[in-house]
Amino acid sequence: MIQFLKSLQLLSDTELQKLEGITKTKFLKKKEYFIKEGAICTELVLIKSGILRSYYSNIEGKETTKCIAFENELTTAYSSFITQEATYENIQALCDTELSILERDALYSLYGDSFEWQNLGRRLTEQHYIDQENRTISFQKQTAKERYETLAANHSKYIKFIPLKHLSSFLGISPRHLSRLRNGT
C-alpha cells in the first residue's frame, strides 16, 4: 500500500512511514468473499494482485455486477465503510487475490493526526466520485461495444478471468450480446 500511496505524491515520507505496522495482507481464493451483504465494512483494500467483483442481489436472487476492481486499485463497500451501517453489496474474488488492508479506525486516526492524510482522503473520494460518474455517463453516451472495448483496452490481461455472466452484467448487456461483441459479429 505504501508504494501505491507514494505514487500519488500526496504524502510525505514521514506520513507514509505511519503506515508501517498498521496495514496487513490478506489472501482470498477464487470465489471467496471480502464482504457479504448485511456485514459492516471496516476495511479499505488495495488489490495487490487479482480481481474483485462488487455485486447486488435482488429479491429473486438475480445478481447485478456494480463494479469490477483490478490490481493497484483501492476498493471497499464505500457506503458501509463511511456510515458503519450494513452493506447491501457483496465483494467477491474472481480469481486468487492478494489484498493490502487498512482498517477504518487506523485510517480515521491518520486523518485526525495530519492534514496530508485528510487531503489524501478528500482526493481519493473525489476520484471515486468521478469514476462513478464516468461509469454512469458511459451507459448514457457509449454503446455496449464501446464500453467493452474501453474495458478490454484498460484491463486486457484480466478479461479472461471474468466469467461471461459477470462481465455482461457489468457492461449492462446480455451474455449473448457480449459473445457477439467478442466475436466481432
C-alpha atoms as a PDB file:
ATOM      1  CA  MET A   1       0.000   0.000   0.000  1.00  0.00           C
ATOM      2  CA  ILE A   2       2.897   2.329   0.738  1.00  0.00           C
ATOM      3  CA  GLN A   3       4.160   2.147  -2.862  1.00  0.00           C
ATOM      4  CA  PHE A   4       0.678   2.845  -4.244  1.00  0.00           C
ATOM      5  CA  LEU A   5       0.171   5.871  -1.987  1.00  0.00           C
ATOM      6  CA  LYS A   6       3.694   7.106  -2.699  1.00  0.00           C
ATOM      7  CA  SER A   7       2.888   7.089  -6.418  1.00  0.00           C
ATOM      8  CA  LEU A   8       0.057   9.577  -5.773  1.00  0.00           C
ATOM      9  CA  GLN A   9       2.616  12.112  -4.485  1.00  0.00           C
ATOM     10  CA  LEU A  10       0.261  13.467  -1.825  1.00  0.00           C
ATOM     11  CA  LEU A  11       2.010  12.232   1.320  1.00  0.00           C
ATOM     12  CA  SER A  12       5.474  12.988   2.650  1.00  0.00           C
ATOM     13  CA  ASP A  13       7.812  10.127   3.501  1.00  0.00           C
ATOM     14  CA  THR A  14       7.153  10.874   7.181  1.00  0.00           C
ATOM     15  CA  GLU A  15       3.407  10.421   6.665  1.00  0.00           C
ATOM     16  CA  LEU A  16       3.912   7.269   4.574  1.00  0.00           C
ATOM     17  CA  GLN A  17       6.005   5.739   7.368  1.00  0.00           C
ATOM     18  CA  LYS A  18       2.924   5.883   9.595  1.00  0.00           C
ATOM     19  CA  LEU A  19       1.503   3.013   7.542  1.00  0.00           C
ATOM     20  CA  GLU A  20       4.268   0.655   8.614  1.00  0.00           C
ATOM     21  CA  GLY A  21       2.844  -1.871  11.013  1.00  0.00           C
ATOM     22  CA  ILE A  22      -0.806  -0.857  10.576  1.00  0.00           C
ATOM     23  CA  THR A  23      -1.518  -2.487   7.196  1.00  0.00           C
ATOM     24  CA  LYS A  24      -1.901  -6.202   6.775  1.00  0.00           C
ATOM     25  CA  THR A  25      -2.010  -8.624   3.888  1.00  0.00           C
ATOM     26  CA  LYS A  26      -4.949 -10.884   3.176  1.00  0.00           C
ATOM     27  CA  PHE A  27      -5.329 -13.589   0.548  1.00  0.00           C
ATOM     28  CA  LEU A  28      -8.670 -14.543  -0.973  1.00  0.00           C
ATOM     29  CA  LYS A  29      -9.166 -17.684  -3.022  1.00  0.00           C
ATOM     30  CA  LYS A  30     -11.278 -17.553  -6.171  1.00  0.00           C
ATOM     31  CA  LYS A  31     -14.981 -17.094  -5.198  1.00  0.00           C
ATOM     32  CA  GLU A  32     -14.078 -16.166  -1.605  1.00  0.00           C
ATOM     33  CA  TYR A  33     -15.728 -13.028  -0.236  1.00  0.00           C
ATOM     34  CA  PHE A  34     -14.121  -9.852   1.033  1.00  0.00           C
ATOM     35  CA  ILE A  35     -17.526  -8.829   2.440  1.00  0.00           C
ATOM     36  CA  LYS A  36     -21.104 -10.095   2.206  1.00  0.00           C
ATOM     37  CA  GLU A  37     -24.402  -8.261   2.256  1.00  0.00           C
ATOM     38  CA  GLY A  38     -25.509  -7.466   5.794  1.00  0.00           C
ATOM     39  CA  ALA A  39     -21.999  -7.029   7.227  1.00  0.00           C
ATOM     40  CA  ILE A  40     -20.463  -3.716   8.259  1.00  0.00           C
ATOM     41  CA  CYS A  41     -17.334  -2.834   6.320  1.00  0.00           C
ATOM     42  CA  THR A  42     -14.333  -1.799   8.397  1.00  0.00           C
ATOM     43  CA  GLU A  43     -11.544  -2.272   5.853  1.00  0.00           C
ATOM     44  CA  LEU A  44     -10.187  -0.351   2.879  1.00  0.00           C
ATOM     45  CA  VAL A  45      -8.233  -2.563   0.489  1.00  0.00           C
ATOM     46  CA  LEU A  46      -5.635  -2.129  -2.199  1.00  0.00           C
ATOM     47  CA  ILE A  47      -5.642  -5.010  -4.654  1.00  0.00           C
ATOM     48  CA  LYS A  48      -2.025  -6.147  -4.931  1.00  0.00           C
ATOM     49  CA  SER A  49      -2.972  -8.853  -7.441  1.00  0.00           C
ATOM     50  CA  GLY A  50      -6.232 -10.305  -8.666  1.00  0.00           C
ATOM     51  CA  ILE A  51      -9.768  -9.038  -9.277  1.00  0.00           C
ATOM     52  CA  LEU A  52     -12.690  -8.204  -7.005  1.00  0.00           C
ATOM     53  CA  ARG A  53     -16.300  -8.012  -8.156  1.00  0.00           C
ATOM     54  CA  SER A  54     -18.903  -5.988  -6.277  1.00  0.00           C
ATOM     55  CA  TYR A  55     -22.500  -7.007  -6.851  1.00  0.00           C
ATOM     56  CA  TYR A  56     -26.030  -6.738  -5.517  1.00  0.00           C
ATOM     57  CA  SER A  57     -28.717  -9.420  -5.469  1.00  0.00           C
ATOM     58  CA  ASN A  58     -32.393  -8.608  -5.914  1.00  0.00           C
ATOM     59  CA  ILE A  59     -35.169 -10.409  -4.023  1.00  0.00           C
ATOM     60  CA  GLU A  60     -35.250 -13.174  -6.648  1.00  0.00           C
ATOM     61  CA  GLY A  61     -31.501 -13.696  -6.212  1.00  0.00           C
ATOM     62  CA  LYS A  62     -30.503 -12.190  -9.579  1.00  0.00           C
ATOM     63  CA  GLU A  63     -27.051 -10.644  -9.334  1.00  0.00           C
ATOM     64  CA  THR A  64     -26.087  -7.304 -10.861  1.00  0.00           C
ATOM     65  CA  THR A  65     -22.381  -6.504 -11.039  1.00  0.00           C
ATOM     66  CA  LYS A  66     -21.818  -2.936  -9.858  1.00  0.00           C
ATOM     67  CA  CYS A  67     -18.048  -2.760 -10.053  1.00  0.00           C
ATOM     68  CA  ILE A  68     -15.007  -4.769 -11.043  1.00  0.00           C
ATOM     69  CA  ALA A  69     -11.768  -3.692  -9.350  1.00  0.00           C
ATOM     70  CA  PHE A  70      -8.329  -4.654 -10.588  1.00  0.00           C
ATOM     71  CA  GLU A  71      -4.692  -4.714  -9.471  1.00  0.00           C
ATOM     72  CA  ASN A  72      -3.457  -1.429  -7.946  1.00  0.00           C
ATOM     73  CA  GLU A  73      -6.967  -0.149  -7.266  1.00  0.00           C
ATOM     74  CA  LEU A  74      -8.451   0.775  -3.919  1.00  0.00           C
ATOM     75  CA  THR A  75     -11.884  -0.550  -3.071  1.00  0.00           C
ATOM     76  CA  THR A  76     -14.273  -1.204  -0.235  1.00  0.00           C
ATOM     77  CA  ALA A  77     -18.004  -1.306   0.398  1.00  0.00           C
ATOM     78  CA  TYR A  78     -17.888   2.503   0.397  1.00  0.00           C
ATOM     79  CA  SER A  79     -21.286   3.387   1.869  1.00  0.00           C
ATOM     80  CA  SER A  80     -20.895   0.892   4.687  1.00  0.00           C
ATOM     81  CA  PHE A  81     -17.289   1.944   5.283  1.00  0.00           C
ATOM     82  CA  ILE A  82     -18.354   5.574   5.689  1.00  0.00           C
ATOM     83  CA  THR A  83     -21.639   5.137   7.577  1.00  0.00           C
ATOM     84  CA  GLN A  84     -20.779   1.972   9.512  1.00  0.00           C
ATOM     85  CA  GLU A  85     -24.158   0.547   8.556  1.00  0.00           C
ATOM     86  CA  ALA A  86     -24.774  -2.859   6.971  1.00  0.00           C
ATOM     87  CA  THR A  87     -23.830  -3.103   3.317  1.00  0.00           C
ATOM     88  CA  TYR A  88     -26.139  -4.151   0.511  1.00  0.00           C
ATOM     89  CA  GLU A  89     -23.278  -5.323  -1.651  1.00  0.00           C
ATOM     90  CA  ASN A  90     -21.147  -8.428  -1.871  1.00  0.00           C
ATOM     91  CA  ILE A  91     -17.495  -8.216  -2.850  1.00  0.00           C
ATOM     92  CA  GLN A  92     -16.031 -11.450  -4.166  1.00  0.00           C
ATOM     93  CA  ALA A  93     -12.680 -12.536  -5.624  1.00  0.00           C
ATOM     94  CA  LEU A  94     -12.921 -13.596  -9.279  1.00  0.00           C
ATOM     95  CA  CYS A  95      -9.511 -15.266  -9.069  1.00  0.00           C
ATOM     96  CA  ASP A  96      -6.938 -15.760  -6.325  1.00  0.00           C
ATOM     97  CA  THR A  97      -6.422 -12.254  -4.978  1.00  0.00           C
ATOM     98  CA  GLU A  98      -3.920 -10.596  -2.651  1.00  0.00           C
ATOM     99  CA  LEU A  99      -5.058  -7.547  -0.702  1.00  0.00           C
ATOM    100  CA  SER A 100      -3.307  -4.932   1.381  1.00  0.00           C
ATOM    101  CA  ILE A 101      -5.719  -3.871   4.119  1.00  0.00           C
ATOM    102  CA  LEU A 102      -6.044  -0.699   6.154  1.00  0.00           C
ATOM    103  CA  GLU A 103      -8.565  -0.729   8.989  1.00  0.00           C
ATOM    104  CA  ARG A 104     -11.087   2.128   9.112  1.00  0.00           C
ATOM    105  CA  ASP A 105     -10.120   3.107  12.669  1.00  0.00           C
ATOM    106  CA  ALA A 106      -6.453   3.372  11.670  1.00  0.00           C
ATOM    107  CA  LEU A 107      -7.325   5.470   8.614  1.00  0.00           C
ATOM    108  CA  TYR A 108      -9.521   7.824  10.629  1.00  0.00           C
ATOM    109  CA  SER A 109      -6.755   8.142  13.204  1.00  0.00           C
ATOM    110  CA  LEU A 110      -4.384   9.196  10.403  1.00  0.00           C
ATOM    111  CA  TYR A 111      -6.990  11.717   9.232  1.00  0.00           C
ATOM    112  CA  GLY A 112      -7.128  13.142  12.762  1.00  0.00           C
ATOM    113  CA  ASP A 113      -3.354  13.450  13.013  1.00  0.00           C
ATOM    114  CA  SER A 114      -2.486  15.021   9.688  1.00  0.00           C
ATOM    115  CA  PHE A 115      -3.734  17.487   7.098  1.00  0.00           C
ATOM    116  CA  GLU A 116      -1.826  15.448   4.465  1.00  0.00           C
ATOM    117  CA  TRP A 117      -3.935  12.376   5.240  1.00  0.00           C
ATOM    118  CA  GLN A 118      -7.123  14.445   5.195  1.00  0.00           C
ATOM    119  CA  ASN A 119      -6.119  15.789   1.788  1.00  0.00           C
ATOM    120  CA  LEU A 120      -5.416  12.265   0.534  1.00  0.00           C
ATOM    121  CA  GLY A 121      -8.835  11.103   1.744  1.00  0.00           C
ATOM    122  CA  ARG A 122     -10.543  14.016   0.022  1.00  0.00           C
ATOM    123  CA  ARG A 123      -8.655  13.419  -3.238  1.00  0.00           C
ATOM    124  CA  LEU A 124      -9.429   9.688  -3.227  1.00  0.00           C
ATOM    125  CA  THR A 125     -13.096  10.405  -2.510  1.00  0.00           C
ATOM    126  CA  GLU A 126     -13.199  12.907  -5.365  1.00  0.00           C
ATOM    127  CA  GLN A 127     -11.602  10.363  -7.719  1.00  0.00           C
ATOM    128  CA  HIS A 128     -14.098   7.685  -6.672  1.00  0.00           C
ATOM    129  CA  TYR A 129     -16.956  10.090  -7.384  1.00  0.00           C
ATOM    130  CA  ILE A 130     -15.522  10.936 -10.817  1.00  0.00           C
ATOM    131  CA  ASP A 131     -15.080   7.235 -11.622  1.00  0.00           C
ATOM    132  CA  GLN A 132     -18.696   6.525 -10.662  1.00  0.00           C
ATOM    133  CA  GLU A 133     -19.961   9.482 -12.680  1.00  0.00           C
ATOM    134  CA  ASN A 134     -17.929   8.378 -15.707  1.00  0.00           C
ATOM    135  CA  ARG A 135     -19.442   4.898 -15.408  1.00  0.00           C
ATOM    136  CA  THR A 136     -22.944   6.374 -15.340  1.00  0.00           C
ATOM    137  CA  ILE A 137     -22.185   8.606 -18.314  1.00  0.00           C
ATOM    138  CA  SER A 138     -20.747   5.650 -20.242  1.00  0.00           C
ATOM    139  CA  PHE A 139     -24.177   3.986 -20.083  1.00  0.00           C
ATOM    140  CA  GLN A 140     -25.797   7.109 -21.471  1.00  0.00           C
ATOM    141  CA  LYS A 141     -23.278   8.086 -24.143  1.00  0.00           C
ATOM    142  CA  GLN A 142     -21.483   4.905 -25.220  1.00  0.00           C
ATOM    143  CA  THR A 143     -22.602   1.757 -26.946  1.00  0.00           C
ATOM    144  CA  ALA A 144     -22.082  -1.610 -25.288  1.00  0.00           C
ATOM    145  CA  LYS A 145     -19.306  -2.236 -27.795  1.00  0.00           C
ATOM    146  CA  GLU A 146     -17.519   0.973 -26.773  1.00  0.00           C
ATOM    147  CA  ARG A 147     -17.828   0.091 -23.067  1.00  0.00           C
ATOM    148  CA  TYR A 148     -16.402  -3.374 -23.756  1.00  0.00           C
ATOM    149  CA  GLU A 149     -13.550  -2.002 -25.886  1.00  0.00           C
ATOM    150  CA  THR A 150     -12.626   0.504 -23.159  1.00  0.00           C
ATOM    151  CA  LEU A 151     -12.570  -2.235 -20.519  1.00  0.00           C
ATOM    152  CA  ALA A 152     -10.554  -4.552 -22.772  1.00  0.00           C
ATOM    153  CA  ALA A 153      -8.054  -1.805 -23.592  1.00  0.00           C
ATOM    154  CA  ASN A 154      -7.516  -0.895 -19.931  1.00  0.00           C
ATOM    155  CA  HIS A 155      -7.548  -4.400 -18.423  1.00  0.00           C
ATOM    156  CA  SER A 156      -6.849  -6.859 -21.252  1.00  0.00           C
ATOM    157  CA  LYS A 157      -4.824  -9.269 -19.121  1.00  0.00           C
ATOM    158  CA  TYR A 158      -7.755  -9.708 -16.714  1.00  0.00           C
ATOM    159  CA  ILE A 159     -10.726 -10.063 -19.069  1.00  0.00           C
ATOM    160  CA  LYS A 160     -10.149 -13.824 -19.371  1.00  0.00           C
ATOM    161  CA  PHE A 161     -10.630 -14.239 -15.608  1.00  0.00           C
ATOM    162  CA  ILE A 162     -14.068 -12.627 -15.540  1.00  0.00           C
ATOM    163  CA  PRO A 163     -16.922 -15.054 -16.206  1.00  0.00           C
ATOM    164  CA  LEU A 164     -19.116 -14.024 -19.132  1.00  0.00           C
ATOM    165  CA  LYS A 165     -22.230 -13.575 -16.955  1.00  0.00           C
ATOM    166  CA  HIS A 166     -20.412 -11.168 -14.596  1.00  0.00           C
ATOM    167  CA  LEU A 167     -18.768  -9.241 -17.401  1.00  0.00           C
ATOM    168  CA  SER A 168     -22.039  -8.867 -19.313  1.00  0.00           C
ATOM    169  CA  SER A 169     -23.826  -7.711 -16.139  1.00  0.00           C
ATOM    170  CA  PHE A 170     -21.097  -5.130 -15.519  1.00  0.00           C
ATOM    171  CA  LEU A 171     -21.430  -3.868 -19.092  1.00  0.00           C
ATOM    172  CA  GLY A 172     -25.235  -3.827 -18.912  1.00  0.00           C
ATOM    173  CA  ILE A 173     -25.791  -6.301 -21.756  1.00  0.00           C
ATOM    174  CA  SER A 174     -26.845  -9.916 -22.152  1.00  0.00           C
ATOM    175  CA  PRO A 175     -24.225 -12.688 -22.235  1.00  0.00           C
ATOM    176  CA  ARG A 176     -25.327 -13.433 -25.810  1.00  0.00           C
ATOM    177  CA  HIS A 177     -24.723  -9.831 -26.894  1.00  0.00           C
ATOM    178  CA  LEU A 178     -21.296  -9.876 -25.216  1.00  0.00           C
ATOM    179  CA  SER A 179     -20.397 -13.079 -27.065  1.00  0.00           C
ATOM    180  CA  ARG A 180     -21.294 -11.374 -30.341  1.00  0.00           C
ATOM    181  CA  LEU A 181     -19.154  -8.346 -29.421  1.00  0.00           C
ATOM    182  CA  ARG A 182     -16.202 -10.570 -28.594  1.00  0.00           C
ATOM    183  CA  ASN A 183     -16.587 -12.465 -31.887  1.00  0.00           C
ATOM    184  CA  GLY A 184     -16.975  -9.238 -33.883  1.00  0.00           C
ATOM    185  CA  THR A 185     -20.431 -10.118 -35.225  1.00  0.00           C
END
